[in-house]
Amino acid sequence: MMNKIIIKPHSTLIIGLSGGPDSVYLLHQLVALRTEKNLTLIAAHLDHEWRKESGNDAQFCKELCENLQVTCIIKKASDLDFLPKNTGSQEDTGRQLRRYFFEKIREEFNADAITLAHHQDDQLETFFIRIMRGASLEGLCGIKETSNFYIRPLLDTSKKEIIEYVDAHNLCYVTDASNASDNYLRNRIRNKALPALQECDARFTSKCLKIIEHLQEINTFVDEHTKAIYTALTFTKTEDGIQRLDWKKLVALNLYLQKRILQTWLIKHNVQFSPSNSFLEEMLRFISSKKGGSHQLGTSWKIVKKQSHIWIVQQ
């Protein structure tokens, strides 16, 4: 069932509503909590316009919300003032569009959180997708229950539980035929890889989820350790107010810690970057060299290095 603890009383929540069984289940669970926790619910449906029947999905969401007395915001992707980055993945394009849409609505209504219907099966699929893409420790930790304004109260709920609930309560939902297509990596993992692994050992799902939990615990420890060392390596020069990092002490650390500290440093300066291993190694080559000067980070930022200190400058 849904984790009610992360649903804070007196909250205004944006709900990502596709019309599928997962988001319909989430919406009904939140409606059931609405009076008890004094919640303001706003459903958000984005029509990606990728399927001929997508307009029917939007109409379904509109009527569902009217019946439940929930405000519903519906937009077409072509109406958004946003151009997603082309990563070659339609799934990623859709994710970028939805995030932009949800976050604009959150700002408009000054909402406390954006609530998404990711569940236990999504967690498993994401774990294996990231293994196949060579993810870092942080990536292998999977989907977070809370992240910035996003909350995911269904991560301990299986797809089987969701379907059983909506069927038992005769809840209508729409079906996206593309979920059965093997053109998408997630679907191949969902429809082929995971059933095969579950057939090999009935304990697979519970054991794999336990591994993800262990990785999350390790990552939390490493993250706390990284932040403590980062604090020890940085200082702010009073004359100019710029935060500097002691690069000589940095490069004396374990290589993995060096990379984690660099990521922390860039995030704290709001630098837009792709956290690939090659990008971080390129930074470290510059930082650990004997030469001073500067190193470009994309088009808007650069690292400046002088004596034993480095700092970031926005151009």
C-alpha atoms as a PDB file:
ATOM      1  CA  MET A   1       0.000   0.000   0.000  1.00  0.00           C
ATOM      2  CA  MET A   2       0.936   3.648  -0.245  1.00  0.00           C
ATOM      3  CA  ASN A   3       3.455   5.141   2.188  1.00  0.00           C
ATOM      4  CA  LYS A   4       1.262   7.717   3.935  1.00  0.00           C
ATOM      5  CA  ILE A   5       4.098   9.025   6.135  1.00  0.00           C
ATOM      6  CA  ILE A   6       5.675  11.095   3.354  1.00  0.00           C
ATOM      7  CA  ILE A   7       2.326  12.754   2.618  1.00  0.00           C
ATOM      8  CA  LYS A   8       2.502  15.813   4.859  1.00  0.00           C
ATOM      9  CA  PRO A   9      -0.710  17.279   6.342  1.00  0.00           C
ATOM     10  CA  HIS A  10      -2.044  20.547   4.860  1.00  0.00           C
ATOM     11  CA  SER A  11      -0.044  20.004   1.647  1.00  0.00           C
ATOM     12  CA  THR A  12      -0.827  21.084  -1.884  1.00  0.00           C
ATOM     13  CA  LEU A  13       0.164  18.196  -4.155  1.00  0.00           C
ATOM     14  CA  ILE A  14       0.625  18.045  -7.916  1.00  0.00           C
ATOM     15  CA  ILE A  15      -0.173  14.496  -9.092  1.00  0.00           C
ATOM     16  CA  GLY A  16       1.306  13.153 -12.300  1.00  0.00           C
ATOM     17  CA  LEU A  17      -1.736  11.527 -13.942  1.00  0.00           C
ATOM     18  CA  SER A  18      -1.241   9.521 -17.127  1.00  0.00           C
ATOM     19  CA  GLY A  19      -4.557   7.679 -16.838  1.00  0.00           C
ATOM     20  CA  GLY A  20      -2.818   4.308 -16.491  1.00  0.00           C
ATOM     21  CA  PRO A  21      -3.488   1.972 -13.533  1.00  0.00           C
ATOM     22  CA  ASP A  22      -0.532   3.221 -11.457  1.00  0.00           C
ATOM     23  CA  SER A  23      -1.456   6.905 -11.490  1.00  0.00           C
ATOM     24  CA  VAL A  24      -5.183   6.137 -11.165  1.00  0.00           C
ATOM     25  CA  TYR A  25      -4.403   4.052  -8.067  1.00  0.00           C
ATOM     26  CA  LEU A  26      -2.244   6.883  -6.649  1.00  0.00           C
ATOM     27  CA  LEU A  27      -4.963   9.464  -7.301  1.00  0.00           C
ATOM     28  CA  HIS A  28      -7.627   7.366  -5.536  1.00  0.00           C
ATOM     29  CA  GLN A  29      -5.317   6.748  -2.552  1.00  0.00           C
ATOM     30  CA  LEU A  30      -4.679  10.486  -2.206  1.00  0.00           C
ATOM     31  CA  VAL A  31      -8.375  11.331  -2.563  1.00  0.00           C
ATOM     32  CA  ALA A  32      -9.061   8.879   0.287  1.00  0.00           C
ATOM     33  CA  LEU A  33      -6.519  10.806   2.402  1.00  0.00           C
ATOM     34  CA  ARG A  34      -7.696  14.252   1.329  1.00  0.00           C
ATOM     35  CA  THR A  35      -9.979  15.022   4.278  1.00  0.00           C
ATOM     36  CA  GLU A  36      -7.850  13.302   6.934  1.00  0.00           C
ATOM     37  CA  LYS A  37      -4.702  15.233   5.977  1.00  0.00           C
ATOM     38  CA  ASN A  38      -6.386  18.359   4.613  1.00  0.00           C
ATOM     39  CA  LEU A  39      -4.789  17.970   1.179  1.00  0.00           C
ATOM     40  CA  THR A  40      -5.238  20.158  -1.879  1.00  0.00           C
ATOM     41  CA  LEU A  41      -4.925  17.902  -4.939  1.00  0.00           C
ATOM     42  CA  ILE A  42      -4.112  19.050  -8.476  1.00  0.00           C
ATOM     43  CA  ALA A  43      -3.802  16.396 -11.177  1.00  0.00           C
ATOM     44  CA  ALA A  44      -1.493  17.140 -14.119  1.00  0.00           C
ATOM     45  CA  HIS A  45      -1.795  15.291 -17.442  1.00  0.00           C
ATOM     46  CA  LEU A  46       0.582  15.878 -20.356  1.00  0.00           C
ATOM     47  CA  ASP A  47      -0.503  14.725 -23.799  1.00  0.00           C
ATOM     48  CA  HIS A  48       2.769  13.840 -25.537  1.00  0.00           C
ATOM     49  CA  GLU A  49       0.871  13.591 -28.861  1.00  0.00           C
ATOM     50  CA  TRP A  50       2.837  10.481 -29.821  1.00  0.00           C
ATOM     51  CA  ARG A  51      -0.234   8.258 -30.251  1.00  0.00           C
ATOM     52  CA  LYS A  52      -3.446   8.814 -32.188  1.00  0.00           C
ATOM     53  CA  GLU A  53      -5.525   7.907 -29.145  1.00  0.00           C
ATOM     54  CA  SER A  54      -3.642  10.210 -26.731  1.00  0.00           C
ATOM     55  CA  GLY A  55      -6.498  12.730 -26.846  1.00  0.00           C
ATOM     56  CA  ASN A  56      -8.804  10.026 -25.473  1.00  0.00           C
ATOM     57  CA  ASP A  57      -6.424   9.543 -22.528  1.00  0.00           C
ATOM     58  CA  ALA A  58      -6.601  13.275 -21.781  1.00  0.00           C
ATOM     59  CA  GLN A  59     -10.405  13.182 -21.886  1.00  0.00           C
ATOM     60  CA  PHE A  60     -10.444  10.187 -19.550  1.00  0.00           C
ATOM     61  CA  CYS A  61      -8.259  12.056 -17.031  1.00  0.00           C
ATOM     62  CA  LYS A  62     -10.505  15.120 -17.261  1.00  0.00           C
ATOM     63  CA  GLU A  63     -13.668  13.099 -16.554  1.00  0.00           C
ATOM     64  CA  LEU A  64     -11.998  11.065 -13.787  1.00  0.00           C
ATOM     65  CA  CYS A  65     -10.934  14.217 -11.972  1.00  0.00           C
ATOM     66  CA  GLU A  66     -14.362  15.813 -12.391  1.00  0.00           C
ATOM     67  CA  ASN A  67     -15.948  12.755 -10.737  1.00  0.00           C
ATOM     68  CA  LEU A  68     -13.437  12.911  -7.860  1.00  0.00           C
ATOM     69  CA  GLN A  69     -13.688  16.713  -7.567  1.00  0.00           C
ATOM     70  CA  VAL A  70      -9.969  17.161  -8.223  1.00  0.00           C
ATOM     71  CA  THR A  71      -8.577  20.080 -10.237  1.00  0.00           C
ATOM     72  CA  CYS A  72      -7.046  18.771 -13.457  1.00  0.00           C
ATOM     73  CA  ILE A  73      -4.538  20.617 -15.659  1.00  0.00           C
ATOM     74  CA  ILE A  74      -4.128  19.195 -19.163  1.00  0.00           C
ATOM     75  CA  LYS A  75      -1.581  20.368 -21.726  1.00  0.00           C
ATOM     76  CA  LYS A  76      -0.229  19.169 -25.058  1.00  0.00           C
ATOM     77  CA  ALA A  77       3.529  18.827 -25.414  1.00  0.00           C
ATOM     78  CA  SER A  78       3.442  21.096 -28.486  1.00  0.00           C
ATOM     79  CA  ASP A  79       1.991  23.880 -26.317  1.00  0.00           C
ATOM     80  CA  LEU A  80       4.920  23.883 -23.885  1.00  0.00           C
ATOM     81  CA  ASP A  81       7.538  26.608 -24.188  1.00  0.00           C
ATOM     82  CA  PHE A  82      10.313  24.056 -23.768  1.00  0.00           C
ATOM     83  CA  LEU A  83      12.748  22.256 -26.069  1.00  0.00           C
ATOM     84  CA  PRO A  84      14.058  19.022 -24.507  1.00  0.00           C
ATOM     85  CA  LYS A  85      17.654  17.939 -25.022  1.00  0.00           C
ATOM     86  CA  ASN A  86      17.991  15.324 -27.733  1.00  0.00           C
ATOM     87  CA  THR A  87      19.475  12.254 -26.021  1.00  0.00           C
ATOM     88  CA  GLY A  88      18.261   9.790 -28.643  1.00  0.00           C
ATOM     89  CA  SER A  89      15.758   8.289 -26.198  1.00  0.00           C
ATOM     90  CA  GLN A  90      12.028   8.939 -26.543  1.00  0.00           C
ATOM     91  CA  GLU A  91      11.574   7.809 -22.929  1.00  0.00           C
ATOM     92  CA  ASP A  92      14.036  10.471 -21.771  1.00  0.00           C
ATOM     93  CA  THR A  93      12.396  13.116 -23.983  1.00  0.00           C
ATOM     94  CA  GLY A  94       9.048  12.330 -22.388  1.00  0.00           C
ATOM     95  CA  ARG A  95      10.585  12.540 -18.909  1.00  0.00           C
ATOM     96  CA  GLN A  96      12.067  15.973 -19.657  1.00  0.00           C
ATOM     97  CA  LEU A  97       8.738  17.269 -20.990  1.00  0.00           C
ATOM     98  CA  ARG A  98       6.786  15.960 -17.996  1.00  0.00           C
ATOM     99  CA  ARG A  99       9.239  17.399 -15.475  1.00  0.00           C
ATOM    100  CA  TYR A 100       9.051  20.824 -17.104  1.00  0.00           C
ATOM    101  CA  PHE A 101       5.244  20.638 -17.160  1.00  0.00           C
ATOM    102  CA  PHE A 102       4.927  19.438 -13.544  1.00  0.00           C
ATOM    103  CA  GLU A 103       7.404  22.004 -12.221  1.00  0.00           C
ATOM    104  CA  LYS A 104       5.649  24.877 -13.994  1.00  0.00           C
ATOM    105  CA  ILE A 105       2.360  23.845 -12.382  1.00  0.00           C
ATOM    106  CA  ARG A 106       4.050  23.481  -8.988  1.00  0.00           C
ATOM    107  CA  GLU A 107       5.338  27.048  -9.289  1.00  0.00           C
ATOM    108  CA  GLU A 108       1.937  28.338 -10.445  1.00  0.00           C
ATOM    109  CA  PHE A 109       0.083  26.835  -7.473  1.00  0.00           C
ATOM    110  CA  ASN A 110       2.988  27.155  -5.007  1.00  0.00           C
ATOM    111  CA  ALA A 111       2.546  23.435  -4.333  1.00  0.00           C
ATOM    112  CA  ASP A 112       4.510  21.577  -1.677  1.00  0.00           C
ATOM    113  CA  ALA A 113       5.320  18.515  -3.764  1.00  0.00           C
ATOM    114  CA  ILE A 114       4.964  16.714  -7.077  1.00  0.00           C
ATOM    115  CA  THR A 115       3.645  13.200  -6.453  1.00  0.00           C
ATOM    116  CA  LEU A 116       4.542  10.438  -8.913  1.00  0.00           C
ATOM    117  CA  ALA A 117       3.288   6.845  -9.206  1.00  0.00           C
ATOM    118  CA  HIS A 118       6.624   5.031  -9.541  1.00  0.00           C
ATOM    119  CA  HIS A 119       6.274   1.641  -7.853  1.00  0.00           C
ATOM    120  CA  GLN A 120       8.341  -1.381  -6.819  1.00  0.00           C
ATOM    121  CA  ASP A 121       8.501  -2.868 -10.319  1.00  0.00           C
ATOM    122  CA  ASP A 122       9.705   0.474 -11.723  1.00  0.00           C
ATOM    123  CA  GLN A 123      12.488   0.382  -9.144  1.00  0.00           C
ATOM    124  CA  LEU A 124      13.662  -3.046 -10.344  1.00  0.00           C
ATOM    125  CA  GLU A 125      13.479  -2.061 -14.017  1.00  0.00           C
ATOM    126  CA  THR A 126      15.422   1.145 -13.380  1.00  0.00           C
ATOM    127  CA  PHE A 127      18.119  -0.776 -11.483  1.00  0.00           C
ATOM    128  CA  PHE A 128      18.746  -3.088 -14.447  1.00  0.00           C
ATOM    129  CA  ILE A 129      18.595  -0.264 -16.991  1.00  0.00           C
ATOM    130  CA  ARG A 130      21.305   1.541 -15.041  1.00  0.00           C
ATOM    131  CA  ILE A 131      23.435  -1.612 -14.769  1.00  0.00           C
ATOM    132  CA  MET A 132      23.302  -1.928 -18.552  1.00  0.00           C
ATOM    133  CA  ARG A 133      24.300   1.724 -18.956  1.00  0.00           C
ATOM    134  CA  GLY A 134      27.248   1.442 -16.559  1.00  0.00           C
ATOM    135  CA  ALA A 135      25.828   3.648 -13.801  1.00  0.00           C
ATOM    136  CA  SER A 136      27.763   4.823 -10.754  1.00  0.00           C
ATOM    137  CA  LEU A 137      26.982   3.788  -7.182  1.00  0.00           C
ATOM    138  CA  GLU A 138      24.577   6.700  -6.886  1.00  0.00           C
ATOM    139  CA  GLY A 139      22.797   5.644 -10.088  1.00  0.00           C
ATOM    140  CA  LEU A 140      22.460   2.042  -8.901  1.00  0.00           C
ATOM    141  CA  CYS A 141      20.627   3.271  -5.800  1.00  0.00           C
ATOM    142  CA  GLY A 142      17.613   3.575  -8.071  1.00  0.00           C
ATOM    143  CA  ILE A 143      14.603   5.828  -7.699  1.00  0.00           C
ATOM    144  CA  LYS A 144      14.492   7.931  -4.539  1.00  0.00           C
ATOM    145  CA  GLU A 145      11.325   8.125  -2.465  1.00  0.00           C
ATOM    146  CA  THR A 146      11.889  11.856  -1.979  1.00  0.00           C
ATOM    147  CA  SER A 147      14.017  14.106  -4.187  1.00  0.00           C
ATOM    148  CA  ASN A 148      13.715  17.886  -4.112  1.00  0.00           C
ATOM    149  CA  PHE A 149      10.004  18.567  -4.708  1.00  0.00           C
ATOM    150  CA  TYR A 150       9.275  15.026  -5.922  1.00  0.00           C
ATOM    151  CA  ILE A 151       7.753  12.336  -3.725  1.00  0.00           C
ATOM    152  CA  ARG A 152       7.015   8.729  -4.697  1.00  0.00           C
ATOM    153  CA  PRO A 153       4.796   7.063  -2.090  1.00  0.00           C
ATOM    154  CA  LEU A 154       4.317   3.807  -4.049  1.00  0.00           C
ATOM    155  CA  LEU A 155       7.915   2.526  -4.163  1.00  0.00           C
ATOM    156  CA  ASP A 156       7.065  -0.271  -1.709  1.00  0.00           C
ATOM    157  CA  THR A 157       3.929  -1.214  -3.669  1.00  0.00           C
ATOM    158  CA  SER A 158       4.156  -3.848  -6.399  1.00  0.00           C
ATOM    159  CA  LYS A 159       2.442  -3.649  -9.775  1.00  0.00           C
ATOM    160  CA  LYS A 160       0.531  -6.822  -8.843  1.00  0.00           C
ATOM    161  CA  GLU A 161      -0.916  -5.087  -5.742  1.00  0.00           C
ATOM    162  CA  ILE A 162      -1.927  -2.058  -7.821  1.00  0.00           C
ATOM    163  CA  ILE A 163      -3.725  -4.133 -10.471  1.00  0.00           C
ATOM    164  CA  GLU A 164      -5.458  -6.251  -7.824  1.00  0.00           C
ATOM    165  CA  TYR A 165      -6.695  -3.093  -6.086  1.00  0.00           C
ATOM    166  CA  VAL A 166      -8.017  -1.299  -9.174  1.00  0.00           C
ATOM    167  CA  ASP A 167      -9.700  -4.490 -10.403  1.00  0.00           C
ATOM    168  CA  ALA A 168     -11.257  -5.236  -6.996  1.00  0.00           C
ATOM    169  CA  HIS A 169     -12.647  -1.697  -6.819  1.00  0.00           C
ATOM    170  CA  ASN A 170     -13.732  -1.640 -10.488  1.00  0.00           C
ATOM    171  CA  LEU A 171     -11.597   1.429 -11.212  1.00  0.00           C
ATOM    172  CA  CYS A 172     -11.325   2.355 -14.887  1.00  0.00           C
ATOM    173  CA  TYR A 173      -7.964   3.230 -16.447  1.00  0.00           C
ATOM    174  CA  VAL A 174      -6.412   3.570 -19.885  1.00  0.00           C
ATOM    175  CA  THR A 175      -3.867   1.210 -21.426  1.00  0.00           C
ATOM    176  CA  ASP A 176      -0.869   2.467 -23.375  1.00  0.00           C
ATOM    177  CA  ALA A 177      -0.151  -0.115 -26.087  1.00  0.00           C
ATOM    178  CA  SER A 178       3.462   1.105 -26.340  1.00  0.00           C
ATOM    179  CA  ASN A 179       4.124  -0.492 -22.902  1.00  0.00           C
ATOM    180  CA  ALA A 180       4.061  -3.878 -24.612  1.00  0.00           C
ATOM    181  CA  SER A 181       6.460  -2.888 -27.408  1.00  0.00           C
ATOM    182  CA  ASP A 182       9.960  -4.370 -27.334  1.00  0.00           C
ATOM    183  CA  ASN A 183      11.258  -1.253 -29.089  1.00  0.00           C
ATOM    184  CA  TYR A 184      11.998   0.199 -25.644  1.00  0.00           C
ATOM    185  CA  LEU A 185      14.722  -1.099 -23.321  1.00  0.00           C
ATOM    186  CA  ARG A 186      12.510  -0.756 -20.235  1.00  0.00           C
ATOM    187  CA  ASN A 187       9.836  -2.929 -21.857  1.00  0.00           C
ATOM    188  CA  ARG A 188      12.371  -5.600 -22.844  1.00  0.00           C
ATOM    189  CA  ILE A 189      13.610  -5.739 -19.257  1.00  0.00           C
ATOM    190  CA  ARG A 190      10.027  -5.781 -17.917  1.00  0.00           C
ATOM    191  CA  ASN A 191       8.674  -8.357 -20.355  1.00  0.00           C
ATOM    192  CA  LYS A 192      11.687 -10.649 -20.828  1.00  0.00           C
ATOM    193  CA  ALA A 193      14.589 -10.214 -18.404  1.00  0.00           C
ATOM    194  CA  LEU A 194      12.738  -9.890 -15.083  1.00  0.00           C
ATOM    195  CA  PRO A 195      10.301 -12.791 -15.673  1.00  0.00           C
ATOM    196  CA  ALA A 196      13.263 -14.995 -16.634  1.00  0.00           C
ATOM    197  CA  LEU A 197      15.139 -14.095 -13.443  1.00  0.00           C
ATOM    198  CA  GLN A 198      12.022 -14.653 -11.319  1.00  0.00           C
ATOM    199  CA  GLU A 199      11.628 -18.054 -12.958  1.00  0.00           C
ATOM    200  CA  CYS A 200      15.220 -18.907 -12.018  1.00  0.00           C
ATOM    201  CA  ASP A 201      14.580 -18.149  -8.343  1.00  0.00           C
ATOM    202  CA  ALA A 202      11.309 -17.139  -6.689  1.00  0.00           C
ATOM    203  CA  ARG A 203      13.321 -15.051  -4.194  1.00  0.00           C
ATOM    204  CA  PHE A 204      14.773 -12.854  -6.945  1.00  0.00           C
ATOM    205  CA  THR A 205      12.513  -9.819  -6.450  1.00  0.00           C
ATOM    206  CA  SER A 206      12.884  -9.600  -2.661  1.00  0.00           C
ATOM    207  CA  LYS A 207      16.653 -10.226  -2.785  1.00  0.00           C
ATOM    208  CA  CYS A 208      17.205  -7.665  -5.551  1.00  0.00           C
ATOM    209  CA  LEU A 209      15.218  -5.034  -3.652  1.00  0.00           C
ATOM    210  CA  LYS A 210      17.351  -5.803  -0.585  1.00  0.00           C
ATOM    211  CA  ILE A 211      20.510  -5.192  -2.664  1.00  0.00           C
ATOM    212  CA  ILE A 212      19.142  -1.781  -3.732  1.00  0.00           C
ATOM    213  CA  GLU A 213      18.427  -0.994  -0.070  1.00  0.00           C
ATOM    214  CA  HIS A 214      22.030  -1.927   0.872  1.00  0.00           C
ATOM    215  CA  LEU A 215      23.398   0.266  -1.938  1.00  0.00           C
ATOM    216  CA  GLN A 216      21.280   3.176  -0.722  1.00  0.00           C
ATOM    217  CA  GLU A 217      22.703   2.750   2.799  1.00  0.00           C
ATOM    218  CA  ILE A 218      26.277   2.665   1.438  1.00  0.00           C
ATOM    219  CA  ASN A 219      25.629   5.713  -0.733  1.00  0.00           C
ATOM    220  CA  THR A 220      24.208   7.653   2.220  1.00  0.00           C
ATOM    221  CA  PHE A 221      27.364   6.880   4.235  1.00  0.00           C
ATOM    222  CA  VAL A 222      29.653   7.880   1.353  1.00  0.00           C
ATOM    223  CA  ASP A 223      27.642  11.047   0.743  1.00  0.00           C
ATOM    224  CA  GLU A 224      27.925  12.129   4.391  1.00  0.00           C
ATOM    225  CA  HIS A 225      31.657  11.369   4.381  1.00  0.00           C
ATOM    226  CA  THR A 226      32.105  13.298   1.118  1.00  0.00           C
ATOM    227  CA  LYS A 227      30.301  16.377   2.443  1.00  0.00           C
ATOM    228  CA  ALA A 228      32.445  16.402   5.597  1.00  0.00           C
ATOM    229  CA  ILE A 229      35.691  16.249   3.583  1.00  0.00           C
ATOM    230  CA  TYR A 230      34.389  18.820   1.098  1.00  0.00           C
ATOM    231  CA  THR A 231      33.743  21.230   3.958  1.00  0.00           C
ATOM    232  CA  ALA A 232      37.285  20.680   5.236  1.00  0.00           C
ATOM    233  CA  LEU A 233      38.793  21.392   1.799  1.00  0.00           C
ATOM    234  CA  THR A 234      36.881  24.602   1.024  1.00  0.00           C
ATOM    235  CA  PHE A 235      37.069  28.146   2.268  1.00  0.00           C
ATOM    236  CA  THR A 236      35.691  31.514   1.201  1.00  0.00           C
ATOM    237  CA  LYS A 237      38.107  34.374   0.598  1.00  0.00           C
ATOM    238  CA  THR A 238      36.722  37.396   2.410  1.00  0.00           C
ATOM    239  CA  GLU A 239      38.020  39.942  -0.115  1.00  0.00           C
ATOM    240  CA  ASP A 240      35.988  38.608  -3.057  1.00  0.00           C
ATOM    241  CA  GLY A 241      33.555  36.194  -1.400  1.00  0.00           C
ATOM    242  CA  ILE A 242      34.528  33.383  -3.818  1.00  0.00           C
ATOM    243  CA  GLN A 243      34.632  29.837  -2.454  1.00  0.00           C
ATOM    244  CA  ARG A 244      37.936  28.085  -3.101  1.00  0.00           C
ATOM    245  CA  LEU A 245      38.988  24.452  -2.965  1.00  0.00           C
ATOM    246  CA  ASP A 246      42.423  23.191  -1.892  1.00  0.00           C
ATOM    247  CA  TRP A 247      43.314  21.066  -4.917  1.00  0.00           C
ATOM    248  CA  LYS A 248      46.543  19.660  -3.431  1.00  0.00           C
ATOM    249  CA  LYS A 249      44.617  18.116  -0.559  1.00  0.00           C
ATOM    250  CA  LEU A 250      41.928  16.985  -2.999  1.00  0.00           C
ATOM    251  CA  VAL A 251      44.265  14.984  -5.262  1.00  0.00           C
ATOM    252  CA  ALA A 252      45.841  13.292  -2.233  1.00  0.00           C
ATOM    253  CA  LEU A 253      42.525  11.571  -1.499  1.00  0.00           C
ATOM    254  CA  ASN A 254      41.158   8.265  -2.778  1.00  0.00           C
ATOM    255  CA  LEU A 255      40.250   8.615  -6.484  1.00  0.00           C
ATOM    256  CA  TYR A 256      36.573   7.771  -5.917  1.00  0.00           C
ATOM    257  CA  LEU A 257      36.316  10.429  -3.199  1.00  0.00           C
ATOM    258  CA  GLN A 258      37.971  12.962  -5.515  1.00  0.00           C
ATOM    259  CA  LYS A 259      35.226  12.427  -8.073  1.00  0.00           C
ATOM    260  CA  ARG A 260      32.430  12.596  -5.510  1.00  0.00           C
ATOM    261  CA  ILE A 261      33.857  15.837  -4.093  1.00  0.00           C
ATOM    262  CA  LEU A 262      34.084  17.363  -7.577  1.00  0.00           C
ATOM    263  CA  GLN A 263      30.434  16.453  -8.204  1.00  0.00           C
ATOM    264  CA  THR A 264      29.459  18.053  -4.884  1.00  0.00           C
ATOM    265  CA  TRP A 265      31.481  21.154  -5.774  1.00  0.00           C
ATOM    266  CA  LEU A 266      29.831  21.553  -9.192  1.00  0.00           C
ATOM    267  CA  ILE A 267      26.321  20.969  -7.834  1.00  0.00           C
ATOM    268  CA  LYS A 268      26.810  23.570  -5.083  1.00  0.00           C
ATOM    269  CA  HIS A 269      27.783  26.095  -7.789  1.00  0.00           C
ATOM    270  CA  ASN A 270      24.748  25.134  -9.935  1.00  0.00           C
ATOM    271  CA  VAL A 271      26.994  24.121 -12.828  1.00  0.00           C
ATOM    272  CA  GLN A 272      25.117  22.166 -15.501  1.00  0.00           C
ATOM    273  CA  PHE A 273      27.172  19.065 -16.321  1.00  0.00           C
ATOM    274  CA  SER A 274      26.898  15.460 -17.406  1.00  0.00           C
ATOM    275  CA  PRO A 275      28.331  13.385 -14.526  1.00  0.00           C
ATOM    276  CA  SER A 276      30.239  10.952 -16.715  1.00  0.00           C
ATOM    277  CA  ASN A 277      33.473   9.344 -15.582  1.00  0.00           C
ATOM    278  CA  SER A 278      35.372  10.797 -18.555  1.00  0.00           C
ATOM    279  CA  PHE A 279      34.201  14.339 -17.693  1.00  0.00           C
ATOM    280  CA  LEU A 280      35.398  14.031 -14.087  1.00  0.00           C
ATOM    281  CA  GLU A 281      38.713  12.486 -15.147  1.00  0.00           C
ATOM    282  CA  GLU A 282      39.265  15.365 -17.571  1.00  0.00           C
ATOM    283  CA  MET A 283      38.750  17.812 -14.698  1.00  0.00           C
ATOM    284  CA  LEU A 284      41.159  15.878 -12.477  1.00  0.00           C
ATOM    285  CA  ARG A 285      43.873  15.876 -15.164  1.00  0.00           C
ATOM    286  CA  PHE A 286      43.731  19.665 -15.251  1.00  0.00           C
ATOM    287  CA  ILE A 287      43.531  20.035 -11.477  1.00  0.00           C
ATOM    288  CA  SER A 288      46.423  17.664 -10.718  1.00  0.00           C
ATOM    289  CA  SER A 289      48.766  19.068 -13.397  1.00  0.00           C
ATOM    290  CA  LYS A 290      51.579  21.436 -12.443  1.00  0.00           C
ATOM    291  CA  LYS A 291      50.211  24.195 -14.663  1.00  0.00           C
ATOM    292  CA  GLY A 292      47.873  26.932 -13.496  1.00  0.00           C
ATOM    293  CA  GLY A 293      45.373  28.802 -15.650  1.00  0.00           C
ATOM    294  CA  SER A 294      41.777  27.873 -16.399  1.00  0.00           C
ATOM    295  CA  HIS A 295      39.724  24.978 -17.760  1.00  0.00           C
ATOM    296  CA  GLN A 296      36.398  25.402 -19.549  1.00  0.00           C
ATOM    297  CA  LEU A 297      33.263  23.678 -18.197  1.00  0.00           C
ATOM    298  CA  GLY A 298      30.773  23.828 -21.046  1.00  0.00           C
ATOM    299  CA  THR A 299      29.991  27.284 -22.410  1.00  0.00           C
ATOM    300  CA  SER A 300      29.201  29.239 -19.247  1.00  0.00           C
ATOM    301  CA  TRP A 301      31.646  28.118 -16.558  1.00  0.00           C
ATOM    302  CA  LYS A 302      35.344  27.569 -16.030  1.00  0.00           C
ATOM    303  CA  ILE A 303      37.702  26.395 -13.295  1.00  0.00           C
ATOM    304  CA  VAL A 304      40.472  28.804 -12.356  1.00  0.00           C
ATOM    305  CA  LYS A 305      43.616  27.381 -10.780  1.00  0.00           C
ATOM    306  CA  LYS A 306      46.268  29.400  -8.969  1.00  0.00           C
ATOM    307  CA  GLN A 307      48.889  28.084  -6.558  1.00  0.00           C
ATOM    308  CA  SER A 308      47.162  25.501  -4.312  1.00  0.00           C
ATOM    309  CA  HIS A 309      43.605  26.744  -4.895  1.00  0.00           C
ATOM    310  CA  ILE A 310      40.903  26.292  -7.517  1.00  0.00           C
ATOM    311  CA  TRP A 311      37.590  28.061  -7.903  1.00  0.00           C
ATOM    312  CA  ILE A 312      34.685  28.247 -10.342  1.00  0.00           C
ATOM    313  CA  VAL A 313      33.856  31.336 -12.375  1.00  0.00           C
ATOM    314  CA  GLN A 314      30.671  31.951 -14.347  1.00  0.00           C
ATOM    315  CA  GLN A 315      31.273  33.642 -17.688  1.00  0.00           C
END
